[in-house]
Amino acid sequence: MTLEALGLSAATAAIYQAMLDNPRFGVDELARHCRLAPLLVREGLEELGRLMLVRSSSEHPGQLRVVSPEVGLAKMLARQEAELADRQAQLAVSRAAVTRLVAERAETVSPHGSTLLGMDALQARLEQMGHEATTEVLGVHPGSSHRPEDLAAARVADSLALARGVVLKGLYQDTTRNCPHTTVFAQWLLSQGGEVRTAPVLPQRLVIVDRAQALVPIDPADSRKGALHVTEPGIIAALLDLFEQTWATAVPLGAARAEDPVTGLTDTERHLLTLLGTGLTDEAAGQRLGLSPRTVRRQMASLMERLGASSRFEAGLAAARKGWL
């Protein structure tokens, strides 16, 4: 694991490593060793101080002493894990609120008003919204793969929006990194100035245009049945909050999703353990993560082997004891 994976800049990581190797180095020595300007070294030391990776020396007043990785990086990782847990808890609350709002709206709107039944009506409204977009289009696209014809249609609409200076942000599941045609589309979007991130688990399919109107599926389990077109500020605000919380914890496409340096778990493996621990079946957990039941079983077999467990129940107990859940 590189220190950059913990959020340190490359320069600050180099300074920290140099201080570990040469504890008596001052600013000038660090600048020469790291080939950095003294001003950048001072900025790096300030960053290390904020992260509590350096402290004032008791033995040499006015100097700094480096905090060992066993202490400093462990505390830093613990803080990040606590922050991530808080964000995930907020995301769960937001997801529940959005689901409730959408369900309430589905019961009250007229089928001839803002309810779009079927793919033709949905595609027509998407085209209209894309044509009207002036500042921003945000999209959540769950699923392990996407139909080539849908991606081709999206490329045409996205090209026109990007040409007008519209900001495009797309959220996909981690499993789409293994889907060639989805990856090709995402790489094209990045090359045109769009932004793409992935996460193990995503909320329901969602499109928000100019922070003023949105489309959400009538049935999250089958988005092809149609969608609700919403413009109410309260619902839009909740959907934006849901998107932004998910975006904050997602990883940009092209960046590797690092394993947890303490447990060795990937985010997908951690979510899989959590989902199965709540009682979901392999099929249900796989749907949430964009994985096939076969892949779920293969990953669970690997986790059980790493935990030294002979059953899933025993694996759950061992994972809890190790702090994996």
C-alpha atoms as a PDB file:
ATOM      1  CA  MET A   1       0.000   0.000   0.000  1.00  0.00           C
ATOM      2  CA  THR A   2       1.375   3.442  -0.897  1.00  0.00           C
ATOM      3  CA  LEU A   3       0.920   6.342   1.490  1.00  0.00           C
ATOM      4  CA  GLU A   4      -0.997   8.188  -1.250  1.00  0.00           C
ATOM      5  CA  ALA A   5      -3.751   5.581  -0.788  1.00  0.00           C
ATOM      6  CA  LEU A   6      -4.302   7.052   2.688  1.00  0.00           C
ATOM      7  CA  GLY A   7      -4.787  10.534   1.278  1.00  0.00           C
ATOM      8  CA  LEU A   8      -1.252  11.938   1.527  1.00  0.00           C
ATOM      9  CA  SER A   9       0.071  13.925  -1.430  1.00  0.00           C
ATOM     10  CA  ALA A  10       3.085  12.441  -3.218  1.00  0.00           C
ATOM     11  CA  ALA A  11       5.363  15.171  -1.830  1.00  0.00           C
ATOM     12  CA  THR A  12       4.120  14.717   1.741  1.00  0.00           C
ATOM     13  CA  ALA A  13       4.489  10.936   1.490  1.00  0.00           C
ATOM     14  CA  ALA A  14       8.105  11.380   0.329  1.00  0.00           C
ATOM     15  CA  ILE A  15       8.833  13.752   3.236  1.00  0.00           C
ATOM     16  CA  TYR A  16       7.330  11.325   5.766  1.00  0.00           C
ATOM     17  CA  GLN A  17       9.385   8.437   4.382  1.00  0.00           C
ATOM     18  CA  ALA A  18      12.542  10.573   4.454  1.00  0.00           C
ATOM     19  CA  MET A  19      11.904  11.503   8.088  1.00  0.00           C
ATOM     20  CA  LEU A  20      11.462   7.842   9.004  1.00  0.00           C
ATOM     21  CA  ASP A  21      14.799   7.021   7.383  1.00  0.00           C
ATOM     22  CA  ASN A  22      16.582  10.158   8.641  1.00  0.00           C
ATOM     23  CA  PRO A  23      14.948  11.358  11.896  1.00  0.00           C
ATOM     24  CA  ARG A  24      17.433  14.228  12.405  1.00  0.00           C
ATOM     25  CA  PHE A  25      16.857  15.869   9.011  1.00  0.00           C
ATOM     26  CA  GLY A  26      15.695  19.483   9.086  1.00  0.00           C
ATOM     27  CA  VAL A  27      13.859  21.398   6.358  1.00  0.00           C
ATOM     28  CA  ASP A  28      16.950  21.996   4.222  1.00  0.00           C
ATOM     29  CA  GLU A  29      18.113  18.381   4.425  1.00  0.00           C
ATOM     30  CA  LEU A  30      14.604  17.115   3.604  1.00  0.00           C
ATOM     31  CA  ALA A  31      14.415  19.508   0.644  1.00  0.00           C
ATOM     32  CA  ARG A  32      17.692  18.201  -0.784  1.00  0.00           C
ATOM     33  CA  HIS A  33      16.857  14.567  -0.081  1.00  0.00           C
ATOM     34  CA  CYS A  34      13.356  14.769  -1.605  1.00  0.00           C
ATOM     35  CA  ARG A  35      14.335  17.235  -4.338  1.00  0.00           C
ATOM     36  CA  LEU A  36      11.644  19.654  -3.230  1.00  0.00           C
ATOM     37  CA  ALA A  37      11.630  23.382  -2.618  1.00  0.00           C
ATOM     38  CA  PRO A  38      11.886  24.297   1.097  1.00  0.00           C
ATOM     39  CA  LEU A  39       8.462  25.937   0.877  1.00  0.00           C
ATOM     40  CA  LEU A  40       6.936  22.627  -0.292  1.00  0.00           C
ATOM     41  CA  VAL A  41       8.711  20.810   2.533  1.00  0.00           C
ATOM     42  CA  ARG A  42       7.231  23.215   5.093  1.00  0.00           C
ATOM     43  CA  GLU A  43       3.758  22.734   3.577  1.00  0.00           C
ATOM     44  CA  GLY A  44       4.270  18.973   3.731  1.00  0.00           C
ATOM     45  CA  LEU A  45       5.312  19.160   7.379  1.00  0.00           C
ATOM     46  CA  GLU A  46       2.178  21.177   8.138  1.00  0.00           C
ATOM     47  CA  GLU A  47       0.079  18.496   6.453  1.00  0.00           C
ATOM     48  CA  LEU A  48       1.862  15.770   8.449  1.00  0.00           C
ATOM     49  CA  GLY A  49       1.201  17.769  11.603  1.00  0.00           C
ATOM     50  CA  ARG A  50      -2.526  17.991  10.839  1.00  0.00           C
ATOM     51  CA  LEU A  51      -2.549  14.240  10.277  1.00  0.00           C
ATOM     52  CA  MET A  52      -0.651  13.737  13.555  1.00  0.00           C
ATOM     53  CA  LEU A  53       2.214  11.967  11.781  1.00  0.00           C
ATOM     54  CA  VAL A  54       4.791  14.406  13.205  1.00  0.00           C
ATOM     55  CA  ARG A  55       4.926  16.035  16.622  1.00  0.00           C
ATOM     56  CA  SER A  56       7.027  18.659  18.393  1.00  0.00           C
ATOM     57  CA  SER A  57      10.237  17.242  19.795  1.00  0.00           C
ATOM     58  CA  SER A  58      10.535  17.300  23.579  1.00  0.00           C
ATOM     59  CA  GLU A  59      14.283  16.778  23.372  1.00  0.00           C
ATOM     60  CA  HIS A  60      15.012  19.392  20.690  1.00  0.00           C
ATOM     61  CA  PRO A  61      12.737  22.456  21.029  1.00  0.00           C
ATOM     62  CA  GLY A  62      11.661  23.932  17.701  1.00  0.00           C
ATOM     63  CA  GLN A  63      12.177  20.652  15.858  1.00  0.00           C
ATOM     64  CA  LEU A  64       9.744  17.955  14.822  1.00  0.00           C
ATOM     65  CA  ARG A  65       9.879  14.240  15.475  1.00  0.00           C
ATOM     66  CA  VAL A  66       8.260  11.680  13.218  1.00  0.00           C
ATOM     67  CA  VAL A  67       5.552   9.358  14.566  1.00  0.00           C
ATOM     68  CA  SER A  68       6.120   5.701  13.701  1.00  0.00           C
ATOM     69  CA  PRO A  69       3.809   4.101  11.096  1.00  0.00           C
ATOM     70  CA  GLU A  70       2.657   1.519  13.648  1.00  0.00           C
ATOM     71  CA  VAL A  71       1.148   4.348  15.697  1.00  0.00           C
ATOM     72  CA  GLY A  72       0.534   7.239  13.317  1.00  0.00           C
ATOM     73  CA  LEU A  73      -0.784   5.403  10.258  1.00  0.00           C
ATOM     74  CA  ALA A  74      -2.883   3.034  12.366  1.00  0.00           C
ATOM     75  CA  LYS A  75      -4.624   6.000  14.026  1.00  0.00           C
ATOM     76  CA  MET A  76      -5.030   7.711  10.681  1.00  0.00           C
ATOM     77  CA  LEU A  77      -6.616   4.595   9.175  1.00  0.00           C
ATOM     78  CA  ALA A  78      -8.915   4.250  12.184  1.00  0.00           C
ATOM     79  CA  ARG A  79     -10.099   7.846  11.729  1.00  0.00           C
ATOM     80  CA  GLN A  80     -10.762   7.246   8.036  1.00  0.00           C
ATOM     81  CA  GLU A  81     -12.675   4.052   8.791  1.00  0.00           C
ATOM     82  CA  ALA A  82     -14.811   5.908  11.349  1.00  0.00           C
ATOM     83  CA  GLU A  83     -15.514   8.677   8.828  1.00  0.00           C
ATOM     84  CA  LEU A  84     -16.429   6.079   6.188  1.00  0.00           C
ATOM     85  CA  ALA A  85     -18.766   4.326   8.621  1.00  0.00           C
ATOM     86  CA  ASP A  86     -20.470   7.655   9.346  1.00  0.00           C
ATOM     87  CA  ARG A  87     -20.897   8.397   5.632  1.00  0.00           C
ATOM     88  CA  GLN A  88     -22.272   4.914   4.989  1.00  0.00           C
ATOM     89  CA  ALA A  89     -24.752   5.346   7.856  1.00  0.00           C
ATOM     90  CA  GLN A  90     -25.851   8.688   6.400  1.00  0.00           C
ATOM     91  CA  LEU A  91     -26.182   7.027   3.002  1.00  0.00           C
ATOM     92  CA  ALA A  92     -28.418   4.305   4.439  1.00  0.00           C
ATOM     93  CA  VAL A  93     -30.677   6.923   6.039  1.00  0.00           C
ATOM     94  CA  SER A  94     -30.825   8.911   2.784  1.00  0.00           C
ATOM     95  CA  ARG A  95     -31.592   5.778   0.753  1.00  0.00           C
ATOM     96  CA  ALA A  96     -34.491   4.907   3.054  1.00  0.00           C
ATOM     97  CA  ALA A  97     -35.848   8.458   2.876  1.00  0.00           C
ATOM     98  CA  VAL A  98     -35.677   8.523  -0.914  1.00  0.00           C
ATOM     99  CA  THR A  99     -37.351   5.131  -1.209  1.00  0.00           C
ATOM    100  CA  ARG A 100     -40.171   6.334   1.042  1.00  0.00           C
ATOM    101  CA  LEU A 101     -40.636   9.606  -0.863  1.00  0.00           C
ATOM    102  CA  VAL A 102     -40.688   7.873  -4.237  1.00  0.00           C
ATOM    103  CA  ALA A 103     -43.141   5.242  -2.987  1.00  0.00           C
ATOM    104  CA  GLU A 104     -45.466   7.941  -1.646  1.00  0.00           C
ATOM    105  CA  ARG A 105     -45.296   9.833  -4.915  1.00  0.00           C
ATOM    106  CA  ALA A 106     -45.987   6.685  -6.946  1.00  0.00           C
ATOM    107  CA  GLU A 107     -49.257   6.291  -5.048  1.00  0.00           C
ATOM    108  CA  THR A 108     -50.442   9.823  -5.777  1.00  0.00           C
ATOM    109  CA  VAL A 109     -49.296  10.860  -9.272  1.00  0.00           C
ATOM    110  CA  SER A 110     -51.530  10.420 -12.283  1.00  0.00           C
ATOM    111  CA  PRO A 111     -50.423   7.740 -14.775  1.00  0.00           C
ATOM    112  CA  HIS A 112     -50.992  10.331 -17.507  1.00  0.00           C
ATOM    113  CA  GLY A 113     -48.928  13.019 -15.770  1.00  0.00           C
ATOM    114  CA  SER A 114     -45.443  12.379 -14.443  1.00  0.00           C
ATOM    115  CA  THR A 115     -45.437   8.589 -14.633  1.00  0.00           C
ATOM    116  CA  LEU A 116     -43.630   7.229 -17.689  1.00  0.00           C
ATOM    117  CA  LEU A 117     -44.699   3.683 -18.534  1.00  0.00           C
ATOM    118  CA  GLY A 118     -42.393   1.515 -20.632  1.00  0.00           C
ATOM    119  CA  MET A 119     -39.001   2.058 -22.239  1.00  0.00           C
ATOM    120  CA  ASP A 120     -40.220   4.184 -25.151  1.00  0.00           C
ATOM    121  CA  ALA A 121     -41.725   6.812 -22.858  1.00  0.00           C
ATOM    122  CA  LEU A 122     -38.679   6.653 -20.614  1.00  0.00           C
ATOM    123  CA  GLN A 123     -36.209   7.073 -23.471  1.00  0.00           C
ATOM    124  CA  ALA A 124     -38.213   9.962 -24.916  1.00  0.00           C
ATOM    125  CA  ARG A 125     -38.158  11.818 -21.592  1.00  0.00           C
ATOM    126  CA  LEU A 126     -34.445  11.107 -21.148  1.00  0.00           C
ATOM    127  CA  GLU A 127     -33.752  12.565 -24.581  1.00  0.00           C
ATOM    128  CA  GLN A 128     -35.809  15.634 -23.765  1.00  0.00           C
ATOM    129  CA  MET A 129     -34.071  16.152 -20.410  1.00  0.00           C
ATOM    130  CA  GLY A 130     -30.651  15.706 -22.005  1.00  0.00           C
ATOM    131  CA  HIS A 131     -31.522  18.247 -24.688  1.00  0.00           C
ATOM    132  CA  GLU A 132     -32.685  20.756 -22.046  1.00  0.00           C
ATOM    133  CA  ALA A 133     -29.674  20.270 -19.719  1.00  0.00           C
ATOM    134  CA  THR A 134     -27.632  23.437 -19.300  1.00  0.00           C
ATOM    135  CA  THR A 135     -25.257  22.801 -16.381  1.00  0.00           C
ATOM    136  CA  GLU A 136     -25.130  19.245 -15.025  1.00  0.00           C
ATOM    137  CA  VAL A 137     -26.339  15.676 -15.489  1.00  0.00           C
ATOM    138  CA  LEU A 138     -25.834  13.182 -12.651  1.00  0.00           C
ATOM    139  CA  GLY A 139     -26.475   9.476 -13.197  1.00  0.00           C
ATOM    140  CA  VAL A 140     -26.514   6.305 -11.079  1.00  0.00           C
ATOM    141  CA  HIS A 141     -26.242   3.162 -13.207  1.00  0.00           C
ATOM    142  CA  PRO A 142     -26.343  -0.042 -11.102  1.00  0.00           C
ATOM    143  CA  GLY A 143     -25.761  -3.467 -12.594  1.00  0.00           C
ATOM    144  CA  SER A 144     -22.720  -5.478 -13.634  1.00  0.00           C
ATOM    145  CA  SER A 145     -23.193  -4.747 -17.357  1.00  0.00           C
ATOM    146  CA  HIS A 146     -25.201  -2.525 -19.668  1.00  0.00           C
ATOM    147  CA  ARG A 147     -26.706  -3.207 -23.086  1.00  0.00           C
ATOM    148  CA  PRO A 148     -24.498  -2.021 -25.968  1.00  0.00           C
ATOM    149  CA  GLU A 149     -27.484  -0.362 -27.689  1.00  0.00           C
ATOM    150  CA  ASP A 150     -28.274   1.646 -24.540  1.00  0.00           C
ATOM    151  CA  LEU A 151     -24.649   2.766 -24.273  1.00  0.00           C
ATOM    152  CA  ALA A 152     -24.612   3.744 -27.946  1.00  0.00           C
ATOM    153  CA  ALA A 153     -27.704   5.907 -27.465  1.00  0.00           C
ATOM    154  CA  ALA A 154     -26.171   7.456 -24.346  1.00  0.00           C
ATOM    155  CA  ARG A 155     -22.980   8.322 -26.236  1.00  0.00           C
ATOM    156  CA  VAL A 156     -24.920  10.371 -28.776  1.00  0.00           C
ATOM    157  CA  ALA A 157     -26.813  12.311 -26.107  1.00  0.00           C
ATOM    158  CA  ASP A 158     -23.720  12.769 -23.950  1.00  0.00           C
ATOM    159  CA  SER A 159     -21.700  14.105 -26.889  1.00  0.00           C
ATOM    160  CA  LEU A 160     -24.253  16.856 -27.490  1.00  0.00           C
ATOM    161  CA  ALA A 161     -24.398  17.749 -23.789  1.00  0.00           C
ATOM    162  CA  LEU A 162     -20.616  17.844 -23.416  1.00  0.00           C
ATOM    163  CA  ALA A 163     -20.352  20.091 -26.468  1.00  0.00           C
ATOM    164  CA  ARG A 164     -22.607  22.595 -24.654  1.00  0.00           C
ATOM    165  CA  GLY A 165     -20.342  22.528 -21.582  1.00  0.00           C
ATOM    166  CA  VAL A 166     -22.650  20.386 -19.440  1.00  0.00           C
ATOM    167  CA  VAL A 167     -20.915  18.550 -16.579  1.00  0.00           C
ATOM    168  CA  LEU A 168     -21.557  14.778 -16.683  1.00  0.00           C
ATOM    169  CA  LYS A 169     -20.997  12.551 -13.648  1.00  0.00           C
ATOM    170  CA  GLY A 170     -21.733   8.817 -13.730  1.00  0.00           C
ATOM    171  CA  LEU A 171     -21.741   6.245 -10.920  1.00  0.00           C
ATOM    172  CA  TYR A 172     -21.305   2.570 -11.834  1.00  0.00           C
ATOM    173  CA  GLN A 173     -20.767  -0.587  -9.801  1.00  0.00           C
ATOM    174  CA  ASP A 174     -17.264  -1.963  -9.289  1.00  0.00           C
ATOM    175  CA  THR A 175     -18.186  -5.087 -11.252  1.00  0.00           C
ATOM    176  CA  THR A 176     -18.560  -3.034 -14.460  1.00  0.00           C
ATOM    177  CA  ARG A 177     -14.764  -2.689 -14.495  1.00  0.00           C
ATOM    178  CA  ASN A 178     -14.813  -6.273 -15.809  1.00  0.00           C
ATOM    179  CA  CYS A 179     -17.436  -5.525 -18.497  1.00  0.00           C
ATOM    180  CA  PRO A 180     -15.618  -4.598 -21.758  1.00  0.00           C
ATOM    181  CA  HIS A 181     -18.306  -2.543 -23.525  1.00  0.00           C
ATOM    182  CA  THR A 182     -19.253  -0.630 -20.351  1.00  0.00           C
ATOM    183  CA  THR A 183     -15.577   0.065 -19.656  1.00  0.00           C
ATOM    184  CA  VAL A 184     -15.048   1.298 -23.223  1.00  0.00           C
ATOM    185  CA  PHE A 185     -17.999   3.671 -22.856  1.00  0.00           C
ATOM    186  CA  ALA A 186     -16.766   4.938 -19.472  1.00  0.00           C
ATOM    187  CA  GLN A 187     -13.250   5.504 -20.843  1.00  0.00           C
ATOM    188  CA  TRP A 188     -14.730   7.441 -23.766  1.00  0.00           C
ATOM    189  CA  LEU A 189     -16.753   9.587 -21.353  1.00  0.00           C
ATOM    190  CA  LEU A 190     -13.607  10.326 -19.350  1.00  0.00           C
ATOM    191  CA  SER A 191     -11.719  11.264 -22.514  1.00  0.00           C
ATOM    192  CA  GLN A 192     -14.440  13.782 -23.359  1.00  0.00           C
ATOM    193  CA  GLY A 193     -14.256  15.485 -19.963  1.00  0.00           C
ATOM    194  CA  GLY A 194     -16.933  13.532 -18.088  1.00  0.00           C
ATOM    195  CA  GLU A 195     -16.405  12.002 -14.638  1.00  0.00           C
ATOM    196  CA  VAL A 196     -16.912   8.337 -13.766  1.00  0.00           C
ATOM    197  CA  ARG A 197     -16.654   6.599 -10.388  1.00  0.00           C
ATOM    198  CA  THR A 198     -17.482   3.102  -9.151  1.00  0.00           C
ATOM    199  CA  ALA A 199     -18.662   1.647  -5.834  1.00  0.00           C
ATOM    200  CA  PRO A 200     -19.461  -1.896  -4.631  1.00  0.00           C
ATOM    201  CA  VAL A 201     -23.093  -1.041  -3.825  1.00  0.00           C
ATOM    202  CA  LEU A 202     -25.217   1.658  -5.469  1.00  0.00           C
ATOM    203  CA  PRO A 203     -28.679   3.053  -4.747  1.00  0.00           C
ATOM    204  CA  GLN A 204     -31.441   2.617  -7.326  1.00  0.00           C
ATOM    205  CA  ARG A 205     -31.066   3.827 -10.907  1.00  0.00           C
ATOM    206  CA  LEU A 206     -31.298   7.612 -11.041  1.00  0.00           C
ATOM    207  CA  VAL A 207     -30.808  10.597 -13.364  1.00  0.00           C
ATOM    208  CA  ILE A 208     -30.774  14.201 -12.117  1.00  0.00           C
ATOM    209  CA  VAL A 209     -30.620  17.129 -14.555  1.00  0.00           C
ATOM    210  CA  ASP A 210     -29.607  20.660 -13.556  1.00  0.00           C
ATOM    211  CA  ARG A 211     -30.521  19.857  -9.930  1.00  0.00           C
ATOM    212  CA  ALA A 212     -34.103  20.613 -10.885  1.00  0.00           C
ATOM    213  CA  GLN A 213     -35.640  17.435 -12.340  1.00  0.00           C
ATOM    214  CA  ALA A 214     -35.000  13.717 -11.980  1.00  0.00           C
ATOM    215  CA  LEU A 215     -36.053  10.287 -13.168  1.00  0.00           C
ATOM    216  CA  VAL A 216     -36.357   7.355 -10.759  1.00  0.00           C
ATOM    217  CA  PRO A 217     -37.645   3.875 -11.625  1.00  0.00           C
ATOM    218  CA  ILE A 218     -41.205   2.861 -10.775  1.00  0.00           C
ATOM    219  CA  ASP A 219     -39.837  -0.562  -9.816  1.00  0.00           C
ATOM    220  CA  PRO A 220     -36.148  -0.558  -8.726  1.00  0.00           C
ATOM    221  CA  ALA A 221     -36.005  -4.289  -9.479  1.00  0.00           C
ATOM    222  CA  ASP A 222     -36.992  -3.692 -13.132  1.00  0.00           C
ATOM    223  CA  SER A 223     -36.190  -0.228 -14.420  1.00  0.00           C
ATOM    224  CA  ARG A 224     -37.574  -1.091 -17.874  1.00  0.00           C
ATOM    225  CA  LYS A 225     -41.143  -0.854 -16.565  1.00  0.00           C
ATOM    226  CA  GLY A 226     -40.883   2.923 -16.547  1.00  0.00           C
ATOM    227  CA  ALA A 227     -40.025   5.820 -14.290  1.00  0.00           C
ATOM    228  CA  LEU A 228     -41.315   8.739 -12.277  1.00  0.00           C
ATOM    229  CA  HIS A 229     -40.389  12.227 -13.459  1.00  0.00           C
ATOM    230  CA  VAL A 230     -40.048  14.401 -10.356  1.00  0.00           C
ATOM    231  CA  THR A 231     -39.475  18.132  -9.974  1.00  0.00           C
ATOM    232  CA  GLU A 232     -40.509  18.758  -6.362  1.00  0.00           C
ATOM    233  CA  PRO A 233     -37.617  20.549  -4.579  1.00  0.00           C
ATOM    234  CA  GLY A 234     -37.863  18.373  -1.478  1.00  0.00           C
ATOM    235  CA  ILE A 235     -37.527  15.122  -3.410  1.00  0.00           C
ATOM    236  CA  ILE A 236     -34.794  16.554  -5.658  1.00  0.00           C
ATOM    237  CA  ALA A 237     -32.819  17.626  -2.561  1.00  0.00           C
ATOM    238  CA  ALA A 238     -33.070  14.108  -1.101  1.00  0.00           C
ATOM    239  CA  LEU A 239     -31.960  12.533  -4.380  1.00  0.00           C
ATOM    240  CA  LEU A 240     -29.021  14.941  -4.645  1.00  0.00           C
ATOM    241  CA  ASP A 241     -27.971  14.087  -1.097  1.00  0.00           C
ATOM    242  CA  LEU A 242     -28.124  10.384  -1.931  1.00  0.00           C
ATOM    243  CA  PHE A 243     -26.024  10.882  -5.071  1.00  0.00           C
ATOM    244  CA  GLU A 244     -23.412  13.068  -3.398  1.00  0.00           C
ATOM    245  CA  GLN A 245     -22.945  10.723  -0.433  1.00  0.00           C
ATOM    246  CA  THR A 246     -22.429   7.777  -2.785  1.00  0.00           C
ATOM    247  CA  TRP A 247     -20.113   9.835  -5.016  1.00  0.00           C
ATOM    248  CA  ALA A 248     -17.964  10.813  -2.020  1.00  0.00           C
ATOM    249  CA  THR A 249     -17.200   7.170  -1.167  1.00  0.00           C
ATOM    250  CA  ALA A 250     -16.801   5.937  -4.765  1.00  0.00           C
ATOM    251  CA  VAL A 251     -13.453   5.499  -6.549  1.00  0.00           C
ATOM    252  CA  PRO A 252     -12.616   7.263  -9.837  1.00  0.00           C
ATOM    253  CA  LEU A 253     -12.390   4.941 -12.809  1.00  0.00           C
ATOM    254  CA  GLY A 254      -8.737   4.230 -13.512  1.00  0.00           C
ATOM    255  CA  ALA A 255      -7.780   4.313  -9.834  1.00  0.00           C
ATOM    256  CA  ALA A 256      -7.271   0.954  -8.173  1.00  0.00           C
ATOM    257  CA  ARG A 257      -9.610   0.110  -5.311  1.00  0.00           C
ATOM    258  CA  ALA A 258      -7.062  -0.816  -2.660  1.00  0.00           C
ATOM    259  CA  GLU A 259      -7.463  -3.653  -0.203  1.00  0.00           C
ATOM    260  CA  ASP A 260      -7.840  -2.777   3.471  1.00  0.00           C
ATOM    261  CA  PRO A 261      -4.227  -2.894   4.764  1.00  0.00           C
ATOM    262  CA  VAL A 262      -5.384  -4.347   8.103  1.00  0.00           C
ATOM    263  CA  THR A 263      -7.881  -7.030   7.019  1.00  0.00           C
ATOM    264  CA  GLY A 264      -6.832  -7.581   3.400  1.00  0.00           C
ATOM    265  CA  LEU A 265     -10.490  -7.270   2.377  1.00  0.00           C
ATOM    266  CA  THR A 266     -11.675  -5.464  -0.701  1.00  0.00           C
ATOM    267  CA  ASP A 267     -14.734  -3.217  -0.356  1.00  0.00           C
ATOM    268  CA  THR A 268     -16.778  -5.777  -2.295  1.00  0.00           C
ATOM    269  CA  GLU A 269     -15.756  -8.589   0.072  1.00  0.00           C
ATOM    270  CA  ARG A 270     -16.599  -6.487   3.124  1.00  0.00           C
ATOM    271  CA  HIS A 271     -20.025  -5.592   1.701  1.00  0.00           C
ATOM    272  CA  LEU A 272     -20.620  -9.242   0.787  1.00  0.00           C
ATOM    273  CA  LEU A 273     -19.938 -10.379   4.355  1.00  0.00           C
ATOM    274  CA  THR A 274     -22.235  -7.667   5.693  1.00  0.00           C
ATOM    275  CA  LEU A 275     -25.079  -8.459   3.280  1.00  0.00           C
ATOM    276  CA  LEU A 276     -24.943 -12.212   3.880  1.00  0.00           C
ATOM    277  CA  GLY A 277     -24.707 -11.520   7.619  1.00  0.00           C
ATOM    278  CA  THR A 278     -28.097  -9.776   7.447  1.00  0.00           C
ATOM    279  CA  GLY A 279     -29.643 -12.969   6.110  1.00  0.00           C
ATOM    280  CA  LEU A 280     -29.723 -12.228   2.365  1.00  0.00           C
ATOM    281  CA  THR A 281     -29.412 -15.165   0.006  1.00  0.00           C
ATOM    282  CA  ASP A 282     -26.523 -15.498  -2.430  1.00  0.00           C
ATOM    283  CA  GLU A 283     -28.835 -14.326  -5.219  1.00  0.00           C
ATOM    284  CA  ALA A 284     -30.078 -11.264  -3.318  1.00  0.00           C
ATOM    285  CA  ALA A 285     -26.587 -10.263  -2.159  1.00  0.00           C
ATOM    286  CA  GLY A 286     -25.277 -10.753  -5.701  1.00  0.00           C
ATOM    287  CA  GLN A 287     -27.965  -8.464  -7.117  1.00  0.00           C
ATOM    288  CA  ARG A 288     -26.983  -5.697  -4.695  1.00  0.00           C
ATOM    289  CA  LEU A 289     -23.306  -6.047  -5.660  1.00  0.00           C
ATOM    290  CA  GLY A 290     -23.753  -6.778  -9.354  1.00  0.00           C
ATOM    291  CA  LEU A 291     -22.329 -10.295  -8.918  1.00  0.00           C
ATOM    292  CA  SER A 292     -23.603 -13.648 -10.142  1.00  0.00           C
ATOM    293  CA  PRO A 293     -24.563 -16.255  -7.497  1.00  0.00           C
ATOM    294  CA  ARG A 294     -21.615 -18.334  -8.717  1.00  0.00           C
ATOM    295  CA  THR A 295     -19.211 -15.463  -8.058  1.00  0.00           C
ATOM    296  CA  VAL A 296     -20.760 -14.909  -4.628  1.00  0.00           C
ATOM    297  CA  ARG A 297     -20.206 -18.556  -3.742  1.00  0.00           C
ATOM    298  CA  ARG A 298     -16.619 -18.449  -5.022  1.00  0.00           C
ATOM    299  CA  GLN A 299     -15.807 -15.317  -3.020  1.00  0.00           C
ATOM    300  CA  MET A 300     -17.410 -16.761   0.117  1.00  0.00           C
ATOM    301  CA  ALA A 301     -15.367 -19.946  -0.269  1.00  0.00           C
ATOM    302  CA  SER A 302     -12.213 -17.816  -0.442  1.00  0.00           C
ATOM    303  CA  LEU A 303     -13.242 -15.823   2.641  1.00  0.00           C
ATOM    304  CA  MET A 304     -14.035 -18.979   4.594  1.00  0.00           C
ATOM    305  CA  GLU A 305     -10.607 -20.371   3.732  1.00  0.00           C
ATOM    306  CA  ARG A 306      -8.905 -17.149   4.881  1.00  0.00           C
ATOM    307  CA  LEU A 307     -10.925 -17.235   8.105  1.00  0.00           C
ATOM    308  CA  GLY A 308     -10.232 -20.931   8.704  1.00  0.00           C
ATOM    309  CA  ALA A 309     -13.977 -21.594   8.878  1.00  0.00           C
ATOM    310  CA  SER A 310     -15.790 -24.761   7.832  1.00  0.00           C
ATOM    311  CA  SER A 311     -19.252 -23.155   7.566  1.00  0.00           C
ATOM    312  CA  ARG A 312     -20.736 -19.764   6.827  1.00  0.00           C
ATOM    313  CA  PHE A 313     -22.000 -19.466  10.387  1.00  0.00           C
ATOM    314  CA  GLU A 314     -18.502 -20.125  11.694  1.00  0.00           C
ATOM    315  CA  ALA A 315     -17.131 -17.649   9.123  1.00  0.00           C
ATOM    316  CA  GLY A 316     -19.524 -14.975  10.386  1.00  0.00           C
ATOM    317  CA  LEU A 317     -18.388 -15.467  13.966  1.00  0.00           C
ATOM    318  CA  ALA A 318     -14.730 -15.410  12.957  1.00  0.00           C
ATOM    319  CA  ALA A 319     -15.222 -12.264  10.843  1.00  0.00           C
ATOM    320  CA  ALA A 320     -16.933 -10.525  13.765  1.00  0.00           C
ATOM    321  CA  ARG A 321     -14.110 -11.500  16.151  1.00  0.00           C
ATOM    322  CA  LYS A 322     -11.532 -10.098  13.723  1.00  0.00           C
ATOM    323  CA  GLY A 323     -13.448  -6.855  13.365  1.00  0.00           C
ATOM    324  CA  TRP A 324     -14.231  -7.461   9.693  1.00  0.00           C
ATOM    325  CA  LEU A 325     -17.911  -6.625  10.199  1.00  0.00           C
END
